[in-house]
PDB file of N, CA and C in Angstrom:
ATOM      1  N   UNK A   1       0.708  -1.251  -0.260  1.00  0.00           N
ATOM      2  CA  UNK A   1      -0.072   0.037  -0.027  1.00  0.00           C
ATOM      3  C   UNK A   1       0.817   0.959  -0.194  1.00  0.00           C
ATOM      4  N   UNK A   2       0.608   2.027  -0.814  1.00  0.00           N
ATOM      5  CA  UNK A   2       1.120   3.288  -0.798  1.00  0.00           C
ATOM      6  C   UNK A   2       0.992   4.243   0.267  1.00  0.00           C
ATOM      7  N   UNK A   3       1.348   5.142   0.438  1.00  0.00           N
ATOM      8  CA  UNK A   3       1.536   6.068   1.868  1.00  0.00           C
ATOM      9  C   UNK A   3       0.526   6.849   1.577  1.00  0.00           C
ATOM     10  N   UNK A   4       0.413   7.308   0.355  1.00  0.00           N
ATOM     11  CA  UNK A   4      -0.831   8.209  -0.032  1.00  0.00           C
ATOM     12  C   UNK A   4      -1.989   7.146   0.504  1.00  0.00           C
ATOM     13  N   UNK A   5      -2.308   6.190  -0.210  1.00  0.00           N
ATOM     14  CA  UNK A   5      -3.477   5.314   0.190  1.00  0.00           C
ATOM     15  C   UNK A   5      -4.012   5.073   1.834  1.00  0.00           C
ATOM     16  N   UNK A   6      -3.058   4.794   2.029  1.00  0.00           N
ATOM     17  CA  UNK A   6      -2.766   4.657   3.542  1.00  0.00           C
ATOM     18  C   UNK A   6      -3.311   6.251   4.612  1.00  0.00           C
ATOM     19  N   UNK A   7      -2.873   7.295   4.155  1.00  0.00           N
ATOM     20  CA  UNK A   7      -3.472   8.266   4.963  1.00  0.00           C
ATOM     21  C   UNK A   7      -4.494   8.644   4.272  1.00  0.00           C
ATOM     22  N   UNK A   8      -5.226   8.036   3.248  1.00  0.00           N
ATOM     23  CA  UNK A   8      -6.237   8.379   2.871  1.00  0.00           C
ATOM     24  C   UNK A   8      -7.005   7.546   3.637  1.00  0.00           C
ATOM     25  N   UNK A   9      -6.967   6.351   3.888  1.00  0.00           N
ATOM     26  CA  UNK A   9      -7.871   5.424   4.244  1.00  0.00           C
ATOM     27  C   UNK A   9      -7.902   5.914   5.857  1.00  0.00           C
ATOM     28  N   UNK A  10      -6.665   6.018   6.170  1.00  0.00           N
ATOM     29  CA  UNK A  10      -6.858   6.828   7.360  1.00  0.00           C
ATOM     30  C   UNK A  10      -7.616   7.702   8.092  1.00  0.00           C
ATOM     31  N   UNK A  11      -8.076   8.722   7.163  1.00  0.00           N
ATOM     32  CA  UNK A  11      -9.098  10.076   7.491  1.00  0.00           C
ATOM     33  C   UNK A  11     -10.085   9.473   7.214  1.00  0.00           C
ATOM     34  N   UNK A  12     -10.437   8.221   5.827  1.00  0.00           N
ATOM     35  CA  UNK A  12     -11.775   8.363   6.085  1.00  0.00           C
ATOM     36  C   UNK A  12     -12.589   6.628   7.080  1.00  0.00           C
ATOM     37  N   UNK A  13     -11.551   6.264   7.574  1.00  0.00           N
ATOM     38  CA  UNK A  13     -11.755   5.851   8.751  1.00  0.00           C
ATOM     39  C   UNK A  13     -12.111   6.718  10.077  1.00  0.00           C
ATOM     40  N   UNK A  14     -11.384   7.656  10.084  1.00  0.00           N
ATOM     41  CA  UNK A  14     -11.358   8.668  11.038  1.00  0.00           C
ATOM     42  C   UNK A  14     -13.170   9.068  11.128  1.00  0.00           C
ATOM     43  N   UNK A  15     -12.827   9.296   9.946  1.00  0.00           N
ATOM     44  CA  UNK A  15     -14.541  10.394  10.212  1.00  0.00           C
ATOM     45  C   UNK A  15     -15.829   9.094   9.778  1.00  0.00           C
ATOM     46  N   UNK A  16     -15.374   8.583   9.406  1.00  0.00           N
ATOM     47  CA  UNK A  16     -16.332   7.489   9.633  1.00  0.00           C
ATOM     48  C   UNK A  16     -16.809   6.944  11.092  1.00  0.00           C
ATOM     49  N   UNK A  17     -15.527   6.759  11.888  1.00  0.00           N
ATOM     50  CA  UNK A  17     -15.822   6.517  13.383  1.00  0.00           C
ATOM     51  C   UNK A  17     -15.937   7.035  13.921  1.00  0.00           C
ATOM     52  N   UNK A  18     -16.127   8.344  13.800  1.00  0.00           N
ATOM     53  CA  UNK A  18     -15.940   9.848  14.334  1.00  0.00           C
ATOM     54  C   UNK A  18     -15.266  10.326  15.734  1.00  0.00           C
ATOM     55  N   UNK A  19     -13.951  10.328  15.337  1.00  0.00           N
ATOM     56  CA  UNK A  19     -12.551   9.926  16.544  1.00  0.00           C
ATOM     57  C   UNK A  19     -13.084  11.296  17.056  1.00  0.00           C
ATOM     58  N   UNK A  20     -12.386  11.554  18.072  1.00  0.00           N
ATOM     59  CA  UNK A  20     -12.152  12.969  18.943  1.00  0.00           C
ATOM     60  C   UNK A  20     -10.659  13.559  18.372  1.00  0.00           C
ATOM     61  N   UNK A  21      -9.846  13.172  17.924  1.00  0.00           N
ATOM     62  CA  UNK A  21      -8.716  13.742  17.502  1.00  0.00           C
ATOM     63  C   UNK A  21      -8.069  12.340  16.772  1.00  0.00           C
ATOM     64  N   UNK A  22      -6.601  13.406  16.002  1.00  0.00           N
ATOM     65  CA  UNK A  22      -6.059  11.901  15.310  1.00  0.00           C
ATOM     66  C   UNK A  22      -4.503  12.839  15.733  1.00  0.00           C
ATOM     67  N   UNK A  23      -3.696  11.924  16.128  1.00  0.00           N
ATOM     68  CA  UNK A  23      -1.954  12.114  16.896  1.00  0.00           C
ATOM     69  C   UNK A  23      -1.545  10.887  15.596  1.00  0.00           C
ATOM     70  N   UNK A  24      -0.300  12.025  14.898  1.00  0.00           N
ATOM     71  CA  UNK A  24       0.814  11.200  13.962  1.00  0.00           C
ATOM     72  C   UNK A  24       1.918  11.582  14.486  1.00  0.00           C
ATOM     73  N   UNK A  25       2.480  10.469  14.577  1.00  0.00           N
ATOM     74  CA  UNK A  25       3.943  10.347  15.502  1.00  0.00           C
ATOM     75  C   UNK A  25       4.965  10.277  14.771  1.00  0.00           C
ATOM     76  N   UNK A  26       4.727  11.208  14.016  1.00  0.00           N
ATOM     77  CA  UNK A  26       6.170  11.088  12.950  1.00  0.00           C
ATOM     78  C   UNK A  26       5.897  10.733  11.169  1.00  0.00           C
ATOM     79  N   UNK A  27       7.435  11.179  10.719  1.00  0.00           N
ATOM     80  CA  UNK A  27       7.689  10.518   9.368  1.00  0.00           C
ATOM     81  C   UNK A  27       6.312  10.854   8.759  1.00  0.00           C
ATOM     82  N   UNK A  28       5.665  12.352   8.512  1.00  0.00           N
ATOM     83  CA  UNK A  28       4.443  12.821   7.538  1.00  0.00           C
ATOM     84  C   UNK A  28       5.182  12.337   6.160  1.00  0.00           C
ATOM     85  N   UNK A  29       6.950  12.881   5.605  1.00  0.00           N
ATOM     86  CA  UNK A  29       7.292  12.664   4.609  1.00  0.00           C
ATOM     87  C   UNK A  29       8.410  12.099   4.944  1.00  0.00           C
ATOM     88  N   UNK A  30       9.158  11.703   3.817  1.00  0.00           N
ATOM     89  CA  UNK A  30      10.664  10.900   3.394  1.00  0.00           C
ATOM     90  C   UNK A  30      11.627  11.984   2.660  1.00  0.00           C
ATOM     91  N   UNK A  31      11.627  12.775   3.497  1.00  0.00           N
ATOM     92  CA  UNK A  31      12.922  13.399   2.733  1.00  0.00           C
ATOM     93  C   UNK A  31      12.237  14.847   2.130  1.00  0.00           C
ATOM     94  N   UNK A  32      13.371  15.403   1.078  1.00  0.00           N
ATOM     95  CA  UNK A  32      12.627  16.400  -0.224  1.00  0.00           C
ATOM     96  C   UNK A  32      11.341  16.193  -0.859  1.00  0.00           C
ATOM     97  N   UNK A  33      11.078  16.974  -1.189  1.00  0.00           N
ATOM     98  CA  UNK A  33       9.731  16.788  -2.604  1.00  0.00           C
ATOM     99  C   UNK A  33      10.220  17.268  -3.583  1.00  0.00           C
ATOM    100  N   UNK A  34      10.315  16.738  -4.721  1.00  0.00           N
ATOM    101  CA  UNK A  34      10.585  17.241  -5.904  1.00  0.00           C
ATOM    102  C   UNK A  34       9.329  18.392  -6.433  1.00  0.00           C
ATOM    103  N   UNK A  35       8.074  18.590  -5.982  1.00  0.00           N
ATOM    104  CA  UNK A  35       7.356  19.443  -6.128  1.00  0.00           C
ATOM    105  C   UNK A  35       6.400  19.575  -4.845  1.00  0.00           C
ATOM    106  N   UNK A  36       5.728  19.990  -5.034  1.00  0.00           N
ATOM    107  CA  UNK A  36       4.550  20.327  -3.809  1.00  0.00           C
ATOM    108  C   UNK A  36       3.192  19.451  -3.631  1.00  0.00           C
ATOM    109  N   UNK A  37       3.126  19.194  -4.398  1.00  0.00           N
ATOM    110  CA  UNK A  37       1.867  17.497  -4.734  1.00  0.00           C
ATOM    111  C   UNK A  37       1.789  16.848  -3.512  1.00  0.00           C
ATOM    112  N   UNK A  38       2.763  16.281  -2.693  1.00  0.00           N
ATOM    113  CA  UNK A  38       3.126  15.551  -1.438  1.00  0.00           C
ATOM    114  C   UNK A  38       2.538  16.714  -0.539  1.00  0.00           C
ATOM    115  N   UNK A  39       2.896  17.463  -0.260  1.00  0.00           N
ATOM    116  CA  UNK A  39       2.508  18.620   0.848  1.00  0.00           C
ATOM    117  C   UNK A  39       0.821  18.581   0.529  1.00  0.00           C
ATOM    118  N   UNK A  40       0.628  19.219  -0.838  1.00  0.00           N
ATOM    119  CA  UNK A  40      -0.837  19.579  -1.024  1.00  0.00           C
ATOM    120  C   UNK A  40      -1.871  18.182  -0.639  1.00  0.00           C
ATOM    121  N   UNK A  41      -1.552  17.456  -1.048  1.00  0.00           N
ATOM    122  CA  UNK A  41      -2.532  16.381  -0.900  1.00  0.00           C
ATOM    123  C   UNK A  41      -2.369  16.056   1.016  1.00  0.00           C
ATOM    124  N   UNK A  42      -1.689  16.143   1.716  1.00  0.00           N
ATOM    125  CA  UNK A  42      -1.662  16.165   3.144  1.00  0.00           C
ATOM    126  C   UNK A  42      -2.535  17.108   3.536  1.00  0.00           C
ATOM    127  N   UNK A  43      -2.011  18.426   3.202  1.00  0.00           N
ATOM    128  CA  UNK A  43      -3.222  19.478   3.709  1.00  0.00           C
ATOM    129  C   UNK A  43      -5.075  18.994   3.430  1.00  0.00           C
ATOM    130  N   UNK A  44      -5.053  18.261   2.222  1.00  0.00           N
ATOM    131  CA  UNK A  44      -6.368  18.156   1.610  1.00  0.00           C
ATOM    132  C   UNK A  44      -6.573  17.057   2.323  1.00  0.00           C
ATOM    133  N   UNK A  45      -6.441  16.205   2.851  1.00  0.00           N
ATOM    134  CA  UNK A  45      -6.528  15.255   3.711  1.00  0.00           C
ATOM    135  C   UNK A  45      -6.999  15.584   5.151  1.00  0.00           C
ATOM    136  N   UNK A  46      -5.859  16.498   5.751  1.00  0.00           N
ATOM    137  CA  UNK A  46      -6.243  17.513   7.474  1.00  0.00           C
ATOM    138  C   UNK A  46      -7.399  18.405   6.978  1.00  0.00           C
ATOM    139  N   UNK A  47      -7.876  18.861   5.759  1.00  0.00           N
ATOM    140  CA  UNK A  47      -9.064  19.497   5.727  1.00  0.00           C
ATOM    141  C   UNK A  47     -10.210  18.625   5.913  1.00  0.00           C
ATOM    142  N   UNK A  48      -9.922  17.530   5.164  1.00  0.00           N
ATOM    143  CA  UNK A  48     -11.203  16.670   5.510  1.00  0.00           C
ATOM    144  C   UNK A  48     -11.647  16.382   7.159  1.00  0.00           C
ATOM    145  N   UNK A  49     -10.289  16.132   7.325  1.00  0.00           N
ATOM    146  CA  UNK A  49     -10.335  15.710   9.154  1.00  0.00           C
ATOM    147  C   UNK A  49     -10.960  17.434   9.499  1.00  0.00           C
ATOM    148  N   UNK A  50     -10.752  18.381   9.257  1.00  0.00           N
ATOM    149  CA  UNK A  50     -10.981  19.768   9.744  1.00  0.00           C
ATOM    150  C   UNK A  50     -12.964  19.712   9.489  1.00  0.00           C
ATOM    151  N   UNK A  51     -12.939  19.464   8.020  1.00  0.00           N
ATOM    152  CA  UNK A  51     -14.717  19.758   7.775  1.00  0.00           C
ATOM    153  C   UNK A  51     -15.589  18.351   8.232  1.00  0.00           C
ATOM    154  N   UNK A  52     -14.363  17.607   9.452  1.00  0.00           N
ATOM    155  CA  UNK A  52     -15.527  16.566  10.056  1.00  0.00           C
ATOM    156  C   UNK A  52     -15.325  17.120  11.503  1.00  0.00           C
ATOM    157  N   UNK A  53     -14.765  17.963  12.122  1.00  0.00           N
ATOM    158  CA  UNK A  53     -14.553  18.596  12.936  1.00  0.00           C
ATOM    159  C   UNK A  53     -13.212  18.246  14.187  1.00  0.00           C
ATOM    160  N   UNK A  54     -12.822  17.383  13.040  1.00  0.00           N
ATOM    161  CA  UNK A  54     -11.539  16.501  14.102  1.00  0.00           C
ATOM    162  C   UNK A  54      -9.745  17.152  14.093  1.00  0.00           C
ATOM    163  N   UNK A  55      -9.494  17.493  15.701  1.00  0.00           N
ATOM    164  CA  UNK A  55      -8.306  17.852  15.739  1.00  0.00           C
ATOM    165  C   UNK A  55      -7.262  16.703  15.381  1.00  0.00           C
ATOM    166  N   UNK A  56      -5.816  17.142  14.834  1.00  0.00           N
ATOM    167  CA  UNK A  56      -5.020  16.893  14.695  1.00  0.00           C
ATOM    168  C   UNK A  56      -3.376  17.190  15.214  1.00  0.00           C
ATOM    169  N   UNK A  57      -2.995  16.353  15.610  1.00  0.00           N
ATOM    170  CA  UNK A  57      -2.013  16.939  16.663  1.00  0.00           C
ATOM    171  C   UNK A  57      -0.754  16.031  15.868  1.00  0.00           C
ATOM    172  N   UNK A  58       0.054  16.320  15.138  1.00  0.00           N
ATOM    173  CA  UNK A  58       1.798  15.562  14.710  1.00  0.00           C
ATOM    174  C   UNK A  58       2.533  16.352  15.090  1.00  0.00           C
ATOM    175  N   UNK A  59       3.960  15.434  15.187  1.00  0.00           N
ATOM    176  CA  UNK A  59       5.093  15.460  15.289  1.00  0.00           C
ATOM    177  C   UNK A  59       6.531  15.247  14.186  1.00  0.00           C
ATOM    178  N   UNK A  60       7.331  16.043  13.840  1.00  0.00           N
ATOM    179  CA  UNK A  60       8.106  15.222  12.983  1.00  0.00           C
ATOM    180  C   UNK A  60       9.198  14.599  13.406  1.00  0.00           C
ATOM    181  N   UNK A  61       9.121  13.410  12.083  1.00  0.00           N
ATOM    182  CA  UNK A  61       9.972  12.369  12.149  1.00  0.00           C
ATOM    183  C   UNK A  61      11.046  12.868  11.581  1.00  0.00           C
ATOM    184  N   UNK A  62      12.506  11.600  11.562  1.00  0.00           N
ATOM    185  CA  UNK A  62      13.917  11.709  11.806  1.00  0.00           C
ATOM    186  C   UNK A  62      13.390  11.442  10.250  1.00  0.00           C
ATOM    187  N   UNK A  63      12.723  11.349   9.674  1.00  0.00           N
ATOM    188  CA  UNK A  63      12.172  11.432   7.971  1.00  0.00           C
ATOM    189  C   UNK A  63      12.025  12.052   6.997  1.00  0.00           C
ATOM    190  N   UNK A  64      11.533  13.258   8.478  1.00  0.00           N
ATOM    191  CA  UNK A  64      10.189  14.453   7.492  1.00  0.00           C
ATOM    192  C   UNK A  64      11.899  15.729   6.889  1.00  0.00           C
ATOM    193  N   UNK A  65      11.097  16.187   5.866  1.00  0.00           N
ATOM    194  CA  UNK A  65      12.029  17.224   5.453  1.00  0.00           C
ATOM    195  C   UNK A  65      11.622  18.485   5.673  1.00  0.00           C
ATOM    196  N   UNK A  66      12.898  19.061   6.519  1.00  0.00           N
ATOM    197  CA  UNK A  66      12.283  20.478   7.045  1.00  0.00           C
ATOM    198  C   UNK A  66      13.122  21.468   5.748  1.00  0.00           C
ATOM    199  N   UNK A  67      12.583  21.515   5.307  1.00  0.00           N
ATOM    200  CA  UNK A  67      13.268  22.306   4.322  1.00  0.00           C
ATOM    201  C   UNK A  67      11.900  23.470   3.828  1.00  0.00           C
ATOM    202  N   UNK A  68      11.977  24.323   3.057  1.00  0.00           N
ATOM    203  CA  UNK A  68      11.616  25.439   2.664  1.00  0.00           C
ATOM    204  C   UNK A  68       9.869  25.159   2.458  1.00  0.00           C
ATOM    205  N   UNK A  69       9.736  23.950   1.440  1.00  0.00           N
ATOM    206  CA  UNK A  69       8.610  23.330   0.737  1.00  0.00           C
ATOM    207  C   UNK A  69       7.726  23.135   2.333  1.00  0.00           C
ATOM    208  N   UNK A  70       8.239  22.546   3.211  1.00  0.00           N
ATOM    209  CA  UNK A  70       7.634  22.196   4.357  1.00  0.00           C
ATOM    210  C   UNK A  70       6.934  23.256   5.100  1.00  0.00           C
ATOM    211  N   UNK A  71       7.783  24.326   5.538  1.00  0.00           N
ATOM    212  CA  UNK A  71       7.401  25.553   5.944  1.00  0.00           C
ATOM    213  C   UNK A  71       6.809  26.050   5.341  1.00  0.00           C
ATOM    214  N   UNK A  72       6.437  26.221   3.610  1.00  0.00           N
ATOM    215  CA  UNK A  72       5.532  27.031   2.814  1.00  0.00           C
ATOM    216  C   UNK A  72       4.206  26.362   3.198  1.00  0.00           C
ATOM    217  N   UNK A  73       3.707  25.084   3.657  1.00  0.00           N
ATOM    218  CA  UNK A  73       2.761  24.511   3.554  1.00  0.00           C
ATOM    219  C   UNK A  73       1.981  25.692   4.388  1.00  0.00           C
ATOM    220  N   UNK A  74       0.458  25.594   3.928  1.00  0.00           N
ATOM    221  CA  UNK A  74      -0.524  26.171   5.102  1.00  0.00           C
ATOM    222  C   UNK A  74      -1.419  25.347   5.852  1.00  0.00           C
ATOM    223  N   UNK A  75      -1.080  24.881   6.737  1.00  0.00           N
ATOM    224  CA  UNK A  75      -1.978  23.631   7.163  1.00  0.00           C
ATOM    225  C   UNK A  75      -3.341  24.620   8.121  1.00  0.00           C
ATOM    226  N   UNK A  76      -4.291  23.389   7.910  1.00  0.00           N
ATOM    227  CA  UNK A  76      -5.927  23.878   8.156  1.00  0.00           C
ATOM    228  C   UNK A  76      -6.165  24.252   9.637  1.00  0.00           C
ATOM    229  N   UNK A  77      -6.621  25.191  10.131  1.00  0.00           N
ATOM    230  CA  UNK A  77      -6.595  25.607  11.638  1.00  0.00           C
ATOM    231  C   UNK A  77      -6.967  23.989  12.827  1.00  0.00           C
ATOM    232  N   UNK A  78      -7.364  23.148  12.319  1.00  0.00           N
ATOM    233  CA  UNK A  78      -7.457  21.914  13.155  1.00  0.00           C
ATOM    234  C   UNK A  78      -6.350  21.601  13.349  1.00  0.00           C
ATOM    235  N   UNK A  79      -5.138  21.841  12.514  1.00  0.00           N
ATOM    236  CA  UNK A  79      -3.866  20.637  12.644  1.00  0.00           C
ATOM    237  C   UNK A  79      -2.798  21.820  13.736  1.00  0.00           C
ATOM    238  N   UNK A  80      -2.168  20.678  14.562  1.00  0.00           N
ATOM    239  CA  UNK A  80      -1.064  21.444  14.914  1.00  0.00           C
ATOM    240  C   UNK A  80       0.055  20.570  14.591  1.00  0.00           C
ATOM    241  N   UNK A  81       1.539  21.457  13.915  1.00  0.00           N
ATOM    242  CA  UNK A  81       2.745  20.266  13.769  1.00  0.00           C
ATOM    243  C   UNK A  81       3.404  20.625  15.590  1.00  0.00           C
ATOM    244  N   UNK A  82       3.831  20.230  16.026  1.00  0.00           N
ATOM    245  CA  UNK A  82       4.623  20.343  17.544  1.00  0.00           C
ATOM    246  C   UNK A  82       6.056  21.328  17.029  1.00  0.00           C
ATOM    247  N   UNK A  83       6.601  21.929  17.585  1.00  0.00           N
ATOM    248  CA  UNK A  83       7.922  22.361  17.641  1.00  0.00           C
ATOM    249  C   UNK A  83       9.205  21.329  17.419  1.00  0.00           C
ATOM    250  N   UNK A  84      10.311  21.370  16.971  1.00  0.00           N
ATOM    251  CA  UNK A  84      10.949  20.675  17.111  1.00  0.00           C
ATOM    252  C   UNK A  84      12.379  21.463  17.242  1.00  0.00           C
ATOM    253  N   UNK A  85      11.839  22.952  17.704  1.00  0.00           N
ATOM    254  CA  UNK A  85      12.813  23.730  18.751  1.00  0.00           C
ATOM    255  C   UNK A  85      12.561  23.076  19.674  1.00  0.00           C
ATOM    256  N   UNK A  86      11.721  22.692  20.932  1.00  0.00           N
ATOM    257  CA  UNK A  86      11.420  23.020  21.862  1.00  0.00           C
ATOM    258  C   UNK A  86      10.072  22.162  22.127  1.00  0.00           C
ATOM    259  N   UNK A  87       9.885  20.885  23.315  1.00  0.00           N
ATOM    260  CA  UNK A  87       8.400  20.402  23.407  1.00  0.00           C
ATOM    261  C   UNK A  87       7.262  21.623  23.898  1.00  0.00           C
ATOM    262  N   UNK A  88       6.500  21.170  23.830  1.00  0.00           N
ATOM    263  CA  UNK A  88       5.130  21.519  23.567  1.00  0.00           C
ATOM    264  C   UNK A  88       4.037  21.171  23.886  1.00  0.00           C
ATOM    265  N   UNK A  89       3.084  21.733  24.672  1.00  0.00           N
ATOM    266  CA  UNK A  89       1.881  21.074  24.598  1.00  0.00           C
ATOM    267  C   UNK A  89       0.438  21.445  24.156  1.00  0.00           C
ATOM    268  N   UNK A  90      -0.587  20.732  23.488  1.00  0.00           N
ATOM    269  CA  UNK A  90      -1.302  21.277  22.825  1.00  0.00           C
ATOM    270  C   UNK A  90      -3.100  20.541  23.747  1.00  0.00           C
ATOM    271  N   UNK A  91      -3.269  21.566  23.913  1.00  0.00           N
ATOM    272  CA  UNK A  91      -4.410  21.566  24.751  1.00  0.00           C
ATOM    273  C   UNK A  91      -5.860  21.151  24.417  1.00  0.00           C
ATOM    274  N   UNK A  92      -6.304  20.484  24.174  1.00  0.00           N
ATOM    275  CA  UNK A  92      -7.344  19.792  23.468  1.00  0.00           C
ATOM    276  C   UNK A  92      -8.775  19.614  24.629  1.00  0.00           C
ATOM    277  N   UNK A  93      -9.250  21.148  25.469  1.00  0.00           N
ATOM    278  CA  UNK A  93      -9.499  21.369  26.885  1.00  0.00           C
ATOM    279  C   UNK A  93     -11.055  21.220  26.693  1.00  0.00           C
ATOM    280  N   UNK A  94     -11.974  20.906  25.158  1.00  0.00           N
ATOM    281  CA  UNK A  94     -13.435  20.466  25.486  1.00  0.00           C
ATOM    282  C   UNK A  94     -12.899  18.897  25.360  1.00  0.00           C
ATOM    283  N   UNK A  95     -12.063  17.970  25.627  1.00  0.00           N
ATOM    284  CA  UNK A  95     -11.990  16.819  25.574  1.00  0.00           C
ATOM    285  C   UNK A  95     -11.152  16.302  26.778  1.00  0.00           C
ATOM    286  N   UNK A  96     -10.653  17.554  27.709  1.00  0.00           N
ATOM    287  CA  UNK A  96     -10.035  17.284  29.007  1.00  0.00           C
ATOM    288  C   UNK A  96      -8.855  16.339  28.457  1.00  0.00           C
ATOM    289  N   UNK A  97      -8.022  16.740  27.174  1.00  0.00           N
ATOM    290  CA  UNK A  97      -6.688  16.024  26.567  1.00  0.00           C
ATOM    291  C   UNK A  97      -5.549  16.755  26.641  1.00  0.00           C
ATOM    292  N   UNK A  98      -4.818  16.532  26.984  1.00  0.00           N
ATOM    293  CA  UNK A  98      -3.213  17.140  26.859  1.00  0.00           C
ATOM    294  C   UNK A  98      -2.117  16.676  26.079  1.00  0.00           C
ATOM    295  N   UNK A  99      -1.737  17.045  24.804  1.00  0.00           N
ATOM    296  CA  UNK A  99      -0.806  16.192  23.902  1.00  0.00           C
ATOM    297  C   UNK A  99       0.627  16.965  24.197  1.00  0.00           C
ATOM    298  N   UNK A 100       1.507  16.066  25.005  1.00  0.00           N
ATOM    299  CA  UNK A 100       2.683  16.711  24.792  1.00  0.00           C
ATOM    300  C   UNK A 100       3.803  16.147  23.846  1.00  0.00           C
ATOM    301  N   UNK A 101       4.545  16.791  23.635  1.00  0.00           N
ATOM    302  CA  UNK A 101       5.862  16.550  22.342  1.00  0.00           C
ATOM    303  C   UNK A 101       6.406  17.502  22.129  1.00  0.00           C
ATOM    304  N   UNK A 102       8.068  16.955  21.136  1.00  0.00           N
ATOM    305  CA  UNK A 102       8.827  17.488  20.420  1.00  0.00           C
ATOM    306  C   UNK A 102       8.821  16.750  19.428  1.00  0.00           C
ATOM    307  N   UNK A 103       9.265  17.550  18.230  1.00  0.00           N
ATOM    308  CA  UNK A 103       9.687  16.635  17.027  1.00  0.00           C
ATOM    309  C   UNK A 103      10.948  16.700  16.701  1.00  0.00           C
ATOM    310  N   UNK A 104      11.343  16.150  15.596  1.00  0.00           N
ATOM    311  CA  UNK A 104      12.920  15.958  15.192  1.00  0.00           C
ATOM    312  C   UNK A 104      13.026  16.714  14.875  1.00  0.00           C
ATOM    313  N   UNK A 105      14.089  17.585  15.408  1.00  0.00           N
ATOM    314  CA  UNK A 105      14.677  18.749  14.454  1.00  0.00           C
ATOM    315  C   UNK A 105      15.457  18.302  13.341  1.00  0.00           C
TER     316      UNK A 105
END
């Protein structure tokens, strides 16, 4: 299964099951991209979760691209990418959840 198919299925299942939030723990990407299609696909999938009212918290892993293309992505308001510079906490107060983490620099 391709990574894009896996993400698409994860999003479809999360929406169908009406999950409270999605946590992605690293390796959203694998190195730099040749173009922005990879990033735009990710944003489109996160937008589907936003439309369903599902917050997303992600951290960068050791394979994630830390280049200009990644930094230029405009994430939907439901998506938080935790900092790679220092530990950070995302509070989902209405759920009584605190997610603590730090991305891989």
